[in-house]
């Protein structure tokens, strides 16, 4: 049913009866690792985007060139933006 589900993940429906909250919730190693990378990236000591080796190996060769290995964090990092979106943000949000 959930072909391609990441290894070490669990998918459940969560909520309580009558609350109208009954959403799919991801749990497990994959979610924990993503949360940890996000937390470390938000501390401002690293580049904006941190990914593990599993994510990097699924990228094209051109996209892999956007990332470099961070030996302190033991993951890959990149600092890149969508130029059009960045320009829109500067014009509309600052």
PDB file of N, CA and C in Angstrom:
ATOM      1  N   UNK A   1       0.813  -1.194   0.000  1.00  0.00           N
ATOM      2  CA  UNK A   1       0.000   0.000   0.000  1.00  0.00           C
ATOM      3  C   UNK A   1       0.858   1.261   0.000  1.00  0.00           C
ATOM      4  N   UNK A   2       1.927   1.297   0.791  1.00  0.00           N
ATOM      5  CA  UNK A   2       2.786   2.475   0.864  1.00  0.00           C
ATOM      6  C   UNK A   2       4.139   2.149   0.254  1.00  0.00           C
ATOM      7  N   UNK A   3       4.135   1.838  -1.025  1.00  0.00           N
ATOM      8  CA  UNK A   3       5.353   1.521  -1.744  1.00  0.00           C
ATOM      9  C   UNK A   3       6.302   2.704  -1.694  1.00  0.00           C
ATOM     10  N   UNK A   4       7.566   2.441  -1.454  1.00  0.00           N
ATOM     11  CA  UNK A   4       8.550   3.505  -1.412  1.00  0.00           C
ATOM     12  C   UNK A   4       8.615   4.206  -0.059  1.00  0.00           C
ATOM     13  N   UNK A   5       7.933   3.695   0.938  1.00  0.00           N
ATOM     14  CA  UNK A   5       7.982   4.267   2.283  1.00  0.00           C
ATOM     15  C   UNK A   5       9.406   4.185   2.810  1.00  0.00           C
ATOM     16  N   UNK A   6       9.946   5.287   3.324  1.00  0.00           N
ATOM     17  CA  UNK A   6      11.325   5.251   3.819  1.00  0.00           C
ATOM     18  C   UNK A   6      11.519   4.196   4.894  1.00  0.00           C
ATOM     19  N   UNK A   7      12.682   3.565   4.860  1.00  0.00           N
ATOM     20  CA  UNK A   7      13.027   2.550   5.847  1.00  0.00           C
ATOM     21  C   UNK A   7      13.023   3.189   7.232  1.00  0.00           C
ATOM     22  N   UNK A   8      12.505   2.484   8.225  1.00  0.00           N
ATOM     23  CA  UNK A   8      12.497   2.984   9.592  1.00  0.00           C
ATOM     24  C   UNK A   8      11.396   3.994   9.862  1.00  0.00           C
ATOM     25  N   UNK A   9      10.375   4.051   9.017  1.00  0.00           N
ATOM     26  CA  UNK A   9       9.292   4.989   9.264  1.00  0.00           C
ATOM     27  C   UNK A   9       8.016   4.245   9.609  1.00  0.00           C
ATOM     28  N   UNK A  10       7.159   4.958  10.261  1.00  0.00           N
ATOM     29  CA  UNK A  10       5.862   4.442  10.637  1.00  0.00           C
ATOM     30  C   UNK A  10       4.830   5.483  10.242  1.00  0.00           C
ATOM     31  N   UNK A  11       3.746   5.044   9.698  1.00  0.00           N
ATOM     32  CA  UNK A  11       2.692   5.934   9.251  1.00  0.00           C
ATOM     33  C   UNK A  11       1.436   5.563  10.020  1.00  0.00           C
ATOM     34  N   UNK A  12       0.842   6.525  10.752  1.00  0.00           N
ATOM     35  CA  UNK A  12      -0.360   6.237  11.517  1.00  0.00           C
ATOM     36  C   UNK A  12      -1.374   7.362  11.321  1.00  0.00           C
ATOM     37  N   UNK A  13      -2.627   7.063  11.577  1.00  0.00           N
ATOM     38  CA  UNK A  13      -3.654   8.111  11.634  1.00  0.00           C
ATOM     39  C   UNK A  13      -3.773   8.493  13.098  1.00  0.00           C
ATOM     40  N   UNK A  14      -3.732   9.787  13.364  1.00  0.00           N
ATOM     41  CA  UNK A  14      -3.766  10.249  14.747  1.00  0.00           C
ATOM     42  C   UNK A  14      -4.896  11.238  14.943  1.00  0.00           C
ATOM     43  N   UNK A  15      -5.364  11.337  16.140  1.00  0.00           N
ATOM     44  CA  UNK A  15      -6.442  12.249  16.503  1.00  0.00           C
ATOM     45  C   UNK A  15      -7.311  11.585  17.546  1.00  0.00           C
ATOM     46  N   UNK A  16      -8.361  12.246  17.943  1.00  0.00           N
ATOM     47  CA  UNK A  16      -9.271  11.612  18.877  1.00  0.00           C
ATOM     48  C   UNK A  16     -10.701  11.744  18.379  1.00  0.00           C
ATOM     49  N   UNK A  17     -11.509  10.838  18.794  1.00  0.00           N
ATOM     50  CA  UNK A  17     -12.867  10.719  18.296  1.00  0.00           C
ATOM     51  C   UNK A  17     -13.652  12.013  18.491  1.00  0.00           C
ATOM     52  N   UNK A  18     -14.295  12.469  17.418  1.00  0.00           N
ATOM     53  CA  UNK A  18     -15.136  13.651  17.475  1.00  0.00           C
ATOM     54  C   UNK A  18     -14.401  14.967  17.337  1.00  0.00           C
ATOM     55  N   UNK A  19     -13.073  14.936  17.205  1.00  0.00           N
ATOM     56  CA  UNK A  19     -12.308  16.188  17.155  1.00  0.00           C
ATOM     57  C   UNK A  19     -12.162  16.721  15.742  1.00  0.00           C
ATOM     58  N   UNK A  20     -12.499  15.937  14.750  1.00  0.00           N
ATOM     59  CA  UNK A  20     -12.295  16.226  13.326  1.00  0.00           C
ATOM     60  C   UNK A  20     -10.818  16.316  12.969  1.00  0.00           C
ATOM     61  N   UNK A  21      -9.958  15.922  13.902  1.00  0.00           N
ATOM     62  CA  UNK A  21      -8.521  15.833  13.626  1.00  0.00           C
ATOM     63  C   UNK A  21      -8.186  14.358  13.477  1.00  0.00           C
ATOM     64  N   UNK A  22      -7.897  13.956  12.272  1.00  0.00           N
ATOM     65  CA  UNK A  22      -7.563  12.560  12.005  1.00  0.00           C
ATOM     66  C   UNK A  22      -6.597  12.534  10.833  1.00  0.00           C
ATOM     67  N   UNK A  23      -5.424  13.103  11.027  1.00  0.00           N
ATOM     68  CA  UNK A  23      -4.433  13.244   9.970  1.00  0.00           C
ATOM     69  C   UNK A  23      -3.399  12.128  10.018  1.00  0.00           C
ATOM     70  N   UNK A  24      -2.746  11.927   8.875  1.00  0.00           N
ATOM     71  CA  UNK A  24      -1.637  10.988   8.809  1.00  0.00           C
ATOM     72  C   UNK A  24      -0.427  11.624   9.486  1.00  0.00           C
ATOM     73  N   UNK A  25       0.239  10.877  10.329  1.00  0.00           N
ATOM     74  CA  UNK A  25       1.404  11.356  11.065  1.00  0.00           C
ATOM     75  C   UNK A  25       2.574  10.426  10.769  1.00  0.00           C
ATOM     76  N   UNK A  26       3.728  11.014  10.453  1.00  0.00           N
ATOM     77  CA  UNK A  26       4.946  10.236  10.244  1.00  0.00           C
ATOM     78  C   UNK A  26       5.698  10.141  11.562  1.00  0.00           C
ATOM     79  N   UNK A  27       6.227   8.968  11.849  1.00  0.00           N
ATOM     80  CA  UNK A  27       7.037   8.766  13.047  1.00  0.00           C
ATOM     81  C   UNK A  27       8.218   7.878  12.671  1.00  0.00           C
ATOM     82  N   UNK A  28       9.279   7.939  13.448  1.00  0.00           N
ATOM     83  CA  UNK A  28      10.374   7.004  13.264  1.00  0.00           C
ATOM     84  C   UNK A  28      11.698   7.666  12.984  1.00  0.00           C
ATOM     85  N   UNK A  29      12.667   6.841  12.618  1.00  0.00           N
ATOM     86  CA  UNK A  29      14.053   7.285  12.426  1.00  0.00           C
ATOM     87  C   UNK A  29      14.187   8.359  11.361  1.00  0.00           C
ATOM     88  N   UNK A  30      13.462   8.230  10.263  1.00  0.00           N
ATOM     89  CA  UNK A  30      13.571   9.191   9.170  1.00  0.00           C
ATOM     90  C   UNK A  30      13.143  10.580   9.633  1.00  0.00           C
ATOM     91  N   UNK A  31      12.035  10.652  10.345  1.00  0.00           N
ATOM     92  CA  UNK A  31      11.533  11.929  10.841  1.00  0.00           C
ATOM     93  C   UNK A  31      12.483  12.504  11.887  1.00  0.00           C
ATOM     94  N   UNK A  32      12.994  11.663  12.772  1.00  0.00           N
ATOM     95  CA  UNK A  32      13.932  12.124  13.798  1.00  0.00           C
ATOM     96  C   UNK A  32      15.203  12.685  13.169  1.00  0.00           C
ATOM     97  N   UNK A  33      15.740  12.002  12.170  1.00  0.00           N
ATOM     98  CA  UNK A  33      16.963  12.475  11.503  1.00  0.00           C
ATOM     99  C   UNK A  33      16.708  13.813  10.801  1.00  0.00           C
ATOM    100  N   UNK A  34      15.587  13.941  10.115  1.00  0.00           N
ATOM    101  CA  UNK A  34      15.259  15.200   9.443  1.00  0.00           C
ATOM    102  C   UNK A  34      15.105  16.333  10.455  1.00  0.00           C
ATOM    103  N   UNK A  35      14.479  16.045  11.565  1.00  0.00           N
ATOM    104  CA  UNK A  35      14.303  17.051  12.613  1.00  0.00           C
ATOM    105  C   UNK A  35      15.648  17.481  13.192  1.00  0.00           C
ATOM    106  N   UNK A  36      16.533  16.525  13.417  1.00  0.00           N
ATOM    107  CA  UNK A  36      17.862  16.853  13.948  1.00  0.00           C
ATOM    108  C   UNK A  36      18.668  17.700  12.964  1.00  0.00           C
ATOM    109  N   UNK A  37      18.626  17.355  11.681  1.00  0.00           N
ATOM    110  CA  UNK A  37      19.346  18.148  10.679  1.00  0.00           C
ATOM    111  C   UNK A  37      18.781  19.564  10.603  1.00  0.00           C
ATOM    112  N   UNK A  38      17.471  19.691  10.659  1.00  0.00           N
ATOM    113  CA  UNK A  38      16.829  21.003  10.624  1.00  0.00           C
ATOM    114  C   UNK A  38      17.247  21.830  11.840  1.00  0.00           C
ATOM    115  N   UNK A  39      17.252  21.225  12.991  1.00  0.00           N
ATOM    116  CA  UNK A  39      17.651  21.911  14.220  1.00  0.00           C
ATOM    117  C   UNK A  39      19.091  22.405  14.127  1.00  0.00           C
ATOM    118  N   UNK A  40      19.983  21.556  13.642  1.00  0.00           N
ATOM    119  CA  UNK A  40      21.394  21.951  13.520  1.00  0.00           C
ATOM    120  C   UNK A  40      21.574  23.038  12.471  1.00  0.00           C
ATOM    121  N   UNK A  41      20.820  22.990  11.382  1.00  0.00           N
ATOM    122  CA  UNK A  41      20.915  24.021  10.340  1.00  0.00           C
ATOM    123  C   UNK A  41      20.414  25.367  10.863  1.00  0.00           C
ATOM    124  N   UNK A  42      19.404  25.353  11.718  1.00  0.00           N
ATOM    125  CA  UNK A  42      18.822  26.588  12.239  1.00  0.00           C
ATOM    126  C   UNK A  42      19.693  27.291  13.275  1.00  0.00           C
ATOM    127  N   UNK A  43      20.732  26.649  13.749  1.00  0.00           N
ATOM    128  CA  UNK A  43      21.598  27.276  14.749  1.00  0.00           C
ATOM    129  C   UNK A  43      22.523  28.314  14.128  1.00  0.00           C
ATOM    130  N   UNK A  44      22.579  28.374  12.798  1.00  0.00           N
ATOM    131  CA  UNK A  44      23.362  29.397  12.129  1.00  0.00           C
ATOM    132  C   UNK A  44      24.852  29.103  12.053  1.00  0.00           C
ATOM    133  N   UNK A  45      25.282  27.947  12.517  1.00  0.00           N
ATOM    134  CA  UNK A  45      26.701  27.594  12.472  1.00  0.00           C
ATOM    135  C   UNK A  45      27.062  26.921  11.155  1.00  0.00           C
ATOM    136  N   UNK A  46      26.060  26.476  10.437  1.00  0.00           N
ATOM    137  CA  UNK A  46      26.259  25.730   9.198  1.00  0.00           C
ATOM    138  C   UNK A  46      25.600  26.487   8.050  1.00  0.00           C
ATOM    139  N   UNK A  47      25.734  25.925   6.870  1.00  0.00           N
ATOM    140  CA  UNK A  47      25.003  26.473   5.728  1.00  0.00           C
ATOM    141  C   UNK A  47      23.529  26.158   5.903  1.00  0.00           C
ATOM    142  N   UNK A  48      22.700  26.748   5.074  1.00  0.00           N
ATOM    143  CA  UNK A  48      21.242  26.695   5.263  1.00  0.00           C
ATOM    144  C   UNK A  48      20.633  25.303   5.167  1.00  0.00           C
ATOM    145  N   UNK A  49      21.176  24.453   4.327  1.00  0.00           N
ATOM    146  CA  UNK A  49      20.545  23.162   4.070  1.00  0.00           C
ATOM    147  C   UNK A  49      21.501  22.046   4.460  1.00  0.00           C
ATOM    148  N   UNK A  50      21.041  21.143   5.341  1.00  0.00           N
ATOM    149  CA  UNK A  50      21.808  19.963   5.730  1.00  0.00           C
ATOM    150  C   UNK A  50      21.048  18.726   5.289  1.00  0.00           C
ATOM    151  N   UNK A  51      21.739  17.785   4.656  1.00  0.00           N
ATOM    152  CA  UNK A  51      21.124  16.525   4.234  1.00  0.00           C
ATOM    153  C   UNK A  51      22.059  15.380   4.565  1.00  0.00           C
ATOM    154  N   UNK A  52      21.491  14.195   4.725  1.00  0.00           N
ATOM    155  CA  UNK A  52      22.339  13.037   4.989  1.00  0.00           C
ATOM    156  C   UNK A  52      22.757  12.376   3.674  1.00  0.00           C
ATOM    157  N   UNK A  53      23.594  11.378   3.779  1.00  0.00           N
ATOM    158  CA  UNK A  53      24.124  10.699   2.608  1.00  0.00           C
ATOM    159  C   UNK A  53      23.065  10.010   1.775  1.00  0.00           C
ATOM    160  N   UNK A  54      21.990   9.528   2.413  1.00  0.00           N
ATOM    161  CA  UNK A  54      20.917   8.866   1.670  1.00  0.00           C
ATOM    162  C   UNK A  54      20.216   9.839   0.725  1.00  0.00           C
ATOM    163  N   UNK A  55      20.013  11.065   1.182  1.00  0.00           N
ATOM    164  CA  UNK A  55      19.387  12.069   0.327  1.00  0.00           C
ATOM    165  C   UNK A  55      20.324  12.415  -0.821  1.00  0.00           C
ATOM    166  N   UNK A  56      21.589  12.651  -0.496  1.00  0.00           N
ATOM    167  CA  UNK A  56      22.555  13.042  -1.520  1.00  0.00           C
ATOM    168  C   UNK A  56      22.687  11.983  -2.611  1.00  0.00           C
ATOM    169  N   UNK A  57      22.693  10.716  -2.237  1.00  0.00           N
ATOM    170  CA  UNK A  57      22.886   9.664  -3.246  1.00  0.00           C
ATOM    171  C   UNK A  57      21.722   9.579  -4.224  1.00  0.00           C
ATOM    172  N   UNK A  58      20.574  10.146  -3.889  1.00  0.00           N
ATOM    173  CA  UNK A  58      19.419  10.146  -4.789  1.00  0.00           C
ATOM    174  C   UNK A  58      19.352  11.374  -5.683  1.00  0.00           C
ATOM    175  N   UNK A  59      20.327  12.270  -5.571  1.00  0.00           N
ATOM    176  CA  UNK A  59      20.364  13.475  -6.403  1.00  0.00           C
ATOM    177  C   UNK A  59      21.073  13.199  -7.719  1.00  0.00           C
ATOM    178  N   UNK A  60      20.840  14.049  -8.697  1.00  0.00           N
ATOM    179  CA  UNK A  60      21.582  13.965  -9.949  1.00  0.00           C
ATOM    180  C   UNK A  60      23.024  14.405  -9.694  1.00  0.00           C
ATOM    181  N   UNK A  61      23.923  14.066 -10.593  1.00  0.00           N
ATOM    182  CA  UNK A  61      25.319  14.462 -10.425  1.00  0.00           C
ATOM    183  C   UNK A  61      25.476  15.978 -10.359  1.00  0.00           C
ATOM    184  N   UNK A  62      24.704  16.706 -11.150  1.00  0.00           N
ATOM    185  CA  UNK A  62      24.763  18.174 -11.108  1.00  0.00           C
ATOM    186  C   UNK A  62      24.310  18.712  -9.760  1.00  0.00           C
ATOM    187  N   UNK A  63      23.235  18.139  -9.207  1.00  0.00           N
ATOM    188  CA  UNK A  63      22.736  18.604  -7.914  1.00  0.00           C
ATOM    189  C   UNK A  63      23.685  18.230  -6.773  1.00  0.00           C
ATOM    190  N   UNK A  64      24.368  17.094  -6.895  1.00  0.00           N
ATOM    191  CA  UNK A  64      25.344  16.701  -5.870  1.00  0.00           C
ATOM    192  C   UNK A  64      26.458  17.735  -5.749  1.00  0.00           C
ATOM    193  N   UNK A  65      26.775  18.411  -6.850  1.00  0.00           N
ATOM    194  CA  UNK A  65      27.837  19.421  -6.836  1.00  0.00           C
ATOM    195  C   UNK A  65      27.471  20.630  -5.985  1.00  0.00           C
ATOM    196  N   UNK A  66      26.185  20.811  -5.677  1.00  0.00           N
ATOM    197  CA  UNK A  66      25.738  21.931  -4.853  1.00  0.00           C
ATOM    198  C   UNK A  66      26.000  21.702  -3.366  1.00  0.00           C
ATOM    199  N   UNK A  67      26.348  20.473  -3.008  1.00  0.00           N
ATOM    200  CA  UNK A  67      26.555  20.116  -1.610  1.00  0.00           C
ATOM    201  C   UNK A  67      28.014  19.797  -1.335  1.00  0.00           C
ATOM    202  N   UNK A  68      28.456  20.120  -0.137  1.00  0.00           N
ATOM    203  CA  UNK A  68      29.804  19.737   0.298  1.00  0.00           C
ATOM    204  C   UNK A  68      29.680  19.011   1.637  1.00  0.00           C
ATOM    205  N   UNK A  69      30.679  18.192   1.949  1.00  0.00           N
ATOM    206  CA  UNK A  69      30.614  17.414   3.186  1.00  0.00           C
ATOM    207  C   UNK A  69      31.072  18.259   4.363  1.00  0.00           C
ATOM    208  N   UNK A  70      30.283  18.262   5.429  1.00  0.00           N
ATOM    209  CA  UNK A  70      30.621  18.968   6.652  1.00  0.00           C
ATOM    210  C   UNK A  70      31.117  17.927   7.656  1.00  0.00           C
ATOM    211  N   UNK A  71      32.415  17.919   7.916  1.00  0.00           N
ATOM    212  CA  UNK A  71      33.004  16.908   8.787  1.00  0.00           C
ATOM    213  C   UNK A  71      32.576  17.075  10.237  1.00  0.00           C
ATOM    214  N   UNK A  72      32.309  18.289  10.681  1.00  0.00           N
ATOM    215  CA  UNK A  72      31.865  18.503  12.063  1.00  0.00           C
ATOM    216  C   UNK A  72      30.470  17.933  12.298  1.00  0.00           C
ATOM    217  N   UNK A  73      29.589  18.144  11.353  1.00  0.00           N
ATOM    218  CA  UNK A  73      28.202  17.680  11.483  1.00  0.00           C
ATOM    219  C   UNK A  73      27.995  16.275  10.922  1.00  0.00           C
ATOM    220  N   UNK A  74      28.959  15.779  10.161  1.00  0.00           N
ATOM    221  CA  UNK A  74      28.903  14.462   9.534  1.00  0.00           C
ATOM    222  C   UNK A  74      27.671  14.320   8.629  1.00  0.00           C
ATOM    223  N   UNK A  75      27.487  15.336   7.782  1.00  0.00           N
ATOM    224  CA  UNK A  75      26.414  15.328   6.797  1.00  0.00           C
ATOM    225  C   UNK A  75      26.825  16.273   5.665  1.00  0.00           C
ATOM    226  N   UNK A  76      25.983  16.391   4.672  1.00  0.00           N
ATOM    227  CA  UNK A  76      26.257  17.287   3.546  1.00  0.00           C
ATOM    228  C   UNK A  76      25.511  18.589   3.759  1.00  0.00           C
ATOM    229  N   UNK A  77      26.075  19.687   3.233  1.00  0.00           N
ATOM    230  CA  UNK A  77      25.453  20.988   3.400  1.00  0.00           C
ATOM    231  C   UNK A  77      25.513  21.782   2.111  1.00  0.00           C
ATOM    232  N   UNK A  78      24.587  22.702   1.976  1.00  0.00           N
ATOM    233  CA  UNK A  78      24.547  23.582   0.825  1.00  0.00           C
ATOM    234  C   UNK A  78      23.928  24.909   1.221  1.00  0.00           C
ATOM    235  N   UNK A  79      24.215  25.915   0.426  1.00  0.00           N
ATOM    236  CA  UNK A  79      23.680  27.243   0.685  1.00  0.00           C
ATOM    237  C   UNK A  79      23.278  27.825  -0.658  1.00  0.00           C
ATOM    238  N   UNK A  80      22.075  27.526  -1.079  1.00  0.00           N
ATOM    239  CA  UNK A  80      21.617  27.968  -2.376  1.00  0.00           C
ATOM    240  C   UNK A  80      20.158  28.384  -2.268  1.00  0.00           C
ATOM    241  N   UNK A  81      19.760  29.259  -3.164  1.00  0.00           N
ATOM    242  CA  UNK A  81      18.399  29.783  -3.146  1.00  0.00           C
ATOM    243  C   UNK A  81      17.830  29.805  -4.558  1.00  0.00           C
ATOM    244  N   UNK A  82      16.524  29.842  -4.649  1.00  0.00           N
ATOM    245  CA  UNK A  82      15.835  30.047  -5.913  1.00  0.00           C
ATOM    246  C   UNK A  82      15.880  31.548  -6.167  1.00  0.00           C
ATOM    247  N   UNK A  83      16.617  31.977  -7.172  1.00  0.00           N
ATOM    248  CA  UNK A  83      16.832  33.406  -7.431  1.00  0.00           C
ATOM    249  C   UNK A  83      15.534  34.171  -7.636  1.00  0.00           C
ATOM    250  N   UNK A  84      14.603  33.606  -8.388  1.00  0.00           N
ATOM    251  CA  UNK A  84      13.332  34.291  -8.634  1.00  0.00           C
ATOM    252  C   UNK A  84      12.550  34.460  -7.335  1.00  0.00           C
ATOM    253  N   UNK A  85      12.542  33.443  -6.498  1.00  0.00           N
ATOM    254  CA  UNK A  85      11.825  33.532  -5.235  1.00  0.00           C
ATOM    255  C   UNK A  85      12.495  34.531  -4.291  1.00  0.00           C
ATOM    256  N   UNK A  86      13.804  34.552  -4.280  1.00  0.00           N
ATOM    257  CA  UNK A  86      14.544  35.496  -3.442  1.00  0.00           C
ATOM    258  C   UNK A  86      14.255  36.931  -3.871  1.00  0.00           C
ATOM    259  N   UNK A  87      14.210  37.167  -5.166  1.00  0.00           N
ATOM    260  CA  UNK A  87      13.900  38.510  -5.683  1.00  0.00           C
ATOM    261  C   UNK A  87      12.482  38.926  -5.312  1.00  0.00           C
ATOM    262  N   UNK A  88      11.525  38.003  -5.465  1.00  0.00           N
ATOM    263  CA  UNK A  88      10.150  38.291  -5.086  1.00  0.00           C
ATOM    264  C   UNK A  88      10.070  38.637  -3.594  1.00  0.00           C
ATOM    265  N   UNK A  89      10.766  37.872  -2.771  1.00  0.00           N
ATOM    266  CA  UNK A  89      10.775  38.115  -1.328  1.00  0.00           C
ATOM    267  C   UNK A  89      11.315  39.514  -1.010  1.00  0.00           C
ATOM    268  N   UNK A  90      12.411  39.886  -1.644  1.00  0.00           N
ATOM    269  CA  UNK A  90      13.007  41.198  -1.402  1.00  0.00           C
ATOM    270  C   UNK A  90      12.032  42.317  -1.776  1.00  0.00           C
ATOM    271  N   UNK A  91      11.312  42.142  -2.865  1.00  0.00           N
ATOM    272  CA  UNK A  91      10.391  43.178  -3.337  1.00  0.00           C
ATOM    273  C   UNK A  91       9.091  43.239  -2.517  1.00  0.00           C
ATOM    274  N   UNK A  92       8.675  42.126  -1.977  1.00  0.00           N
ATOM    275  CA  UNK A  92       7.351  42.076  -1.347  1.00  0.00           C
ATOM    276  C   UNK A  92       7.355  41.920   0.177  1.00  0.00           C
ATOM    277  N   UNK A  93       8.468  41.548   0.746  1.00  0.00           N
ATOM    278  CA  UNK A  93       8.438  41.216   2.174  1.00  0.00           C
ATOM    279  C   UNK A  93       9.381  42.043   3.035  1.00  0.00           C
ATOM    280  N   UNK A  94      10.188  42.871   2.452  1.00  0.00           N
ATOM    281  CA  UNK A  94      11.129  43.656   3.271  1.00  0.00           C
ATOM    282  C   UNK A  94      10.766  45.095   3.289  1.00  0.00           C
TER     283      UNK A  94
END
